[in-house]
N, C-alpha and C. Protein backbone atom coordinates (compact mmCIF):
# COMPACT_ATOMS: atom_id res chain seq x y z
N MET A 1 4.59 -1.04 -8.82
CA MET A 1 4.75 -0.84 -7.51
C MET A 1 6.71 -0.41 -7.68
N ASN A 2 7.26 -0.83 -8.71
CA ASN A 2 8.68 -0.52 -8.86
C ASN A 2 8.81 0.66 -9.24
N ALA A 3 8.01 1.27 -10.39
CA ALA A 3 7.72 2.75 -10.33
C ALA A 3 7.09 3.58 -9.12
N VAL A 4 6.85 3.45 -8.54
CA VAL A 4 6.38 4.13 -7.39
C VAL A 4 7.26 4.36 -6.17
N ALA A 5 8.15 3.08 -6.13
CA ALA A 5 9.41 2.96 -5.07
C ALA A 5 10.14 4.15 -5.86
N GLU A 6 10.60 3.89 -7.30
CA GLU A 6 11.56 4.47 -7.65
C GLU A 6 11.99 5.60 -7.96
N VAL A 7 10.32 6.72 -7.59
CA VAL A 7 9.66 8.03 -7.64
C VAL A 7 10.11 8.74 -6.33
N PHE A 8 8.96 7.78 -5.45
CA PHE A 8 8.63 8.44 -4.04
C PHE A 8 9.65 7.68 -2.84
N THR A 9 10.81 6.96 -2.87
CA THR A 9 11.33 6.43 -2.19
C THR A 9 13.02 7.23 -2.18
N LYS A 10 12.96 7.92 -2.68
CA LYS A 10 14.58 8.12 -3.37
C LYS A 10 14.99 9.17 -2.51
N GLY A 11 15.49 9.41 -1.37
CA GLY A 11 16.72 10.52 -0.46
C GLY A 11 15.10 10.20 1.43
N ARG A 12 14.38 9.09 0.91
CA ARG A 12 13.61 8.90 2.40
C ARG A 12 14.17 8.50 3.36
N GLU A 13 14.20 8.76 4.67
CA GLU A 13 14.76 8.02 5.60
C GLU A 13 14.00 6.96 6.60
N GLU A 14 13.12 7.21 5.98
CA GLU A 14 11.99 6.11 6.60
C GLU A 14 11.38 4.73 5.44
N PRO A 15 10.83 3.97 5.20
CA PRO A 15 10.20 3.08 4.03
C PRO A 15 8.84 3.85 3.89
N LEU A 16 8.62 4.05 2.31
CA LEU A 16 7.06 4.62 2.33
C LEU A 16 6.39 3.20 2.67
N ARG A 17 4.91 3.89 3.15
CA ARG A 17 3.94 2.88 3.89
C ARG A 17 3.03 3.00 2.11
N THR A 18 2.92 1.57 2.02
CA THR A 18 1.94 1.50 0.68
C THR A 18 0.86 0.26 1.48
N GLY A 19 -0.64 0.48 0.65
CA GLY A 19 -1.77 -0.84 0.71
C GLY A 19 -2.30 -0.66 -0.19
N SER A 20 -3.05 -2.08 0.00
CA SER A 20 -4.03 -2.38 -1.33
C SER A 20 -5.75 -2.14 -0.82
N VAL A 21 -6.61 -1.84 -1.77
CA VAL A 21 -7.52 -1.96 -1.79
C VAL A 21 -7.97 -3.07 -1.36
N LYS A 22 -7.96 -4.06 -2.28
CA LYS A 22 -8.39 -5.34 -2.39
C LYS A 22 -8.28 -6.38 -1.20
N SER A 23 -7.08 -6.42 -0.40
CA SER A 23 -7.10 -6.95 0.57
C SER A 23 -8.46 -6.55 1.68
N ASN A 24 -8.81 -5.68 1.41
CA ASN A 24 -10.08 -5.06 2.60
C ASN A 24 -10.93 -5.25 1.50
N MET A 25 -11.68 -4.95 0.08
CA MET A 25 -12.96 -5.45 0.18
C MET A 25 -12.83 -6.49 -1.11
N GLY A 26 -11.87 -7.51 -1.32
CA GLY A 26 -11.84 -8.27 -2.27
C GLY A 26 -11.81 -7.47 -4.18
N HIS A 27 -12.11 -8.62 -5.07
CA HIS A 27 -11.85 -8.16 -6.28
C HIS A 27 -13.39 -6.78 -6.50
N GLY A 28 -12.82 -5.55 -7.19
CA GLY A 28 -13.98 -4.60 -7.13
C GLY A 28 -14.22 -4.26 -8.74
N GLU A 29 -14.00 -5.42 -9.55
CA GLU A 29 -13.18 -5.19 -10.79
C GLU A 29 -14.75 -3.63 -11.95
N PRO A 30 -15.74 -3.26 -11.07
CA PRO A 30 -16.48 -2.59 -12.55
C PRO A 30 -16.27 -1.18 -10.93
N ALA A 31 -15.77 -1.36 -10.35
CA ALA A 31 -15.28 -0.12 -9.36
C ALA A 31 -14.18 0.18 -8.20
N SER A 32 -13.42 -1.13 -9.37
CA SER A 32 -11.96 -0.57 -8.63
C SER A 32 -11.03 0.79 -8.69
N ALA A 33 -11.37 1.70 -9.36
CA ALA A 33 -10.94 2.99 -9.58
C ALA A 33 -11.96 3.84 -7.99
N LEU A 34 -12.52 3.22 -8.44
CA LEU A 34 -13.76 4.50 -7.19
C LEU A 34 -13.79 4.22 -5.99
N SER A 35 -13.73 2.75 -5.48
CA SER A 35 -12.81 1.90 -4.33
C SER A 35 -11.56 2.41 -4.00
N ALA A 36 -10.22 2.96 -4.53
CA ALA A 36 -9.14 3.39 -4.21
C ALA A 36 -9.25 4.57 -3.51
N ILE A 37 -10.32 5.60 -4.63
CA ILE A 37 -10.46 6.59 -4.19
C ILE A 37 -11.20 6.99 -3.11
N ILE A 38 -11.97 6.54 -2.71
CA ILE A 38 -12.73 6.42 -1.47
C ILE A 38 -11.56 5.98 -0.35
N LYS A 39 -10.67 4.68 -0.44
CA LYS A 39 -9.65 4.05 0.59
C LYS A 39 -8.89 5.71 0.68
N VAL A 40 -8.37 6.66 -0.19
CA VAL A 40 -7.20 6.88 -0.04
C VAL A 40 -8.03 8.75 0.34
N CYS A 41 -9.52 8.84 0.37
CA CYS A 41 -10.28 9.75 1.02
C CYS A 41 -10.10 9.86 2.69
N VAL A 42 -11.14 8.36 2.82
CA VAL A 42 -11.05 7.50 4.17
C VAL A 42 -9.62 7.78 4.81
N ALA A 43 -8.55 7.60 4.29
CA ALA A 43 -7.63 7.63 5.02
C ALA A 43 -6.88 9.49 5.32
N MET A 44 -6.93 9.85 4.33
CA MET A 44 -7.01 10.85 4.86
C MET A 44 -7.75 11.74 5.64
N GLU A 45 -8.85 11.70 5.56
CA GLU A 45 -10.03 12.29 6.92
C GLU A 45 -9.83 11.86 7.91
N CYS A 46 -9.23 10.03 8.13
CA CYS A 46 -9.20 10.17 9.33
C CYS A 46 -7.85 10.31 9.86
N GLU A 47 -7.04 10.20 8.84
CA GLU A 47 -5.40 10.90 9.00
C GLU A 47 -4.29 9.28 9.73
N ILE A 48 -5.14 7.62 9.25
CA ILE A 48 -4.24 7.07 9.14
C ILE A 48 -4.25 6.27 7.71
N LEU A 49 -4.12 5.07 7.77
CA LEU A 49 -3.50 4.23 6.66
C LEU A 49 -3.89 2.49 6.86
N PRO A 50 -5.42 2.39 6.14
CA PRO A 50 -5.78 1.46 6.65
C PRO A 50 -5.07 0.14 6.83
N PRO A 51 -4.83 -0.75 7.51
CA PRO A 51 -4.00 -2.24 7.37
C PRO A 51 -4.44 -2.86 5.61
N ASN A 52 -3.03 -3.60 5.69
CA ASN A 52 -3.84 -4.95 4.47
C ASN A 52 -3.58 -6.18 5.16
N LEU A 53 -5.23 -7.04 4.68
CA LEU A 53 -5.37 -7.83 5.41
C LEU A 53 -4.68 -9.18 4.67
N HIS A 54 -4.30 -10.17 5.74
CA HIS A 54 -3.83 -11.07 5.13
C HIS A 54 -2.09 -11.52 4.42
N TYR A 55 -1.56 -9.78 4.44
CA TYR A 55 -0.30 -9.95 3.61
C TYR A 55 0.91 -10.69 4.56
N LYS A 56 1.77 -11.35 4.23
CA LYS A 56 2.62 -11.97 4.53
C LYS A 56 3.77 -12.44 4.02
N ILE A 57 3.95 -12.34 2.85
CA ILE A 57 5.00 -12.50 1.88
C ILE A 57 5.07 -11.48 1.09
N PRO A 58 5.97 -11.10 1.31
CA PRO A 58 6.13 -9.78 -0.71
C PRO A 58 6.99 -10.23 -1.87
N ASN A 59 6.06 -9.87 -2.50
CA ASN A 59 6.45 -10.43 -4.15
C ASN A 59 8.09 -10.16 -4.03
N PRO A 60 8.83 -11.46 -4.65
CA PRO A 60 9.85 -11.03 -4.51
C PRO A 60 10.22 -10.55 -6.11
N ASP A 61 8.91 -10.02 -7.21
CA ASP A 61 9.18 -9.39 -8.18
C ASP A 61 9.59 -7.36 -7.91
N ILE A 62 8.97 -7.33 -6.68
CA ILE A 62 9.37 -5.57 -5.81
C ILE A 62 10.27 -6.00 -4.84
N PRO A 63 10.92 -4.88 -5.63
CA PRO A 63 12.95 -5.35 -5.00
C PRO A 63 12.86 -4.42 -3.76
N ALA A 64 11.90 -3.41 -4.03
CA ALA A 64 11.42 -2.24 -2.68
C ALA A 64 10.65 -2.69 -1.37
N LEU A 65 10.22 -3.95 -2.04
CA LEU A 65 9.62 -4.39 -0.74
C LEU A 65 10.27 -5.32 0.17
N LEU A 66 11.54 -5.51 -0.88
CA LEU A 66 12.59 -6.94 -0.15
C LEU A 66 13.55 -6.14 0.55
N ASP A 67 13.96 -4.67 0.01
CA ASP A 67 14.93 -3.81 0.78
C ASP A 67 14.82 -3.45 1.65
N GLY A 68 13.14 -2.66 1.96
CA GLY A 68 12.85 -2.12 2.51
C GLY A 68 11.99 -0.86 2.32
N HIS A 69 12.17 0.07 1.15
CA HIS A 69 11.72 1.07 1.06
C HIS A 69 10.54 1.34 0.73
N LEU A 70 9.88 0.37 0.67
CA LEU A 70 8.04 0.27 0.45
C LEU A 70 8.40 -1.23 1.93
N LYS A 71 7.10 -0.02 2.32
CA LYS A 71 6.37 -0.94 3.42
C LYS A 71 5.08 -1.39 3.32
N VAL A 72 4.46 -2.54 3.77
CA VAL A 72 3.11 -2.59 3.61
C VAL A 72 2.72 -2.40 4.83
N LYS A 73 1.63 -1.73 5.04
CA LYS A 73 1.15 -1.48 6.54
C LYS A 73 0.06 -2.82 6.56
N LEU A 74 0.32 -3.22 8.54
CA LEU A 74 -0.43 -4.23 8.37
C LEU A 74 -0.91 -4.15 9.95
N ALA A 75 -1.99 -4.84 9.94
CA ALA A 75 -2.70 -4.30 11.28
C ALA A 75 -2.32 -4.64 12.84
N THR A 76 -1.28 -5.13 12.88
CA THR A 76 -0.19 -5.20 13.73
C THR A 76 0.92 -3.88 13.82
N ASP A 77 0.71 -2.88 13.04
CA ASP A 77 1.63 -1.69 12.89
C ASP A 77 1.33 -0.82 13.58
């Protein structure tokens, strides 16, 4: 996430929205990459970013979440 923030948030006025497949599907070890690709395809097709479920506290090891450069998509957004 730090690398994503470093590359994609420079010069942005609004935070970069981010999400995770794990919060929607659980652990998908054997098909984790395929799950992520499917989520991206559905998001692009429907022109929405599916929300993350159960996200409450940002990881302190990801400064971009704390300083507002990255924002996790929630169901309430």
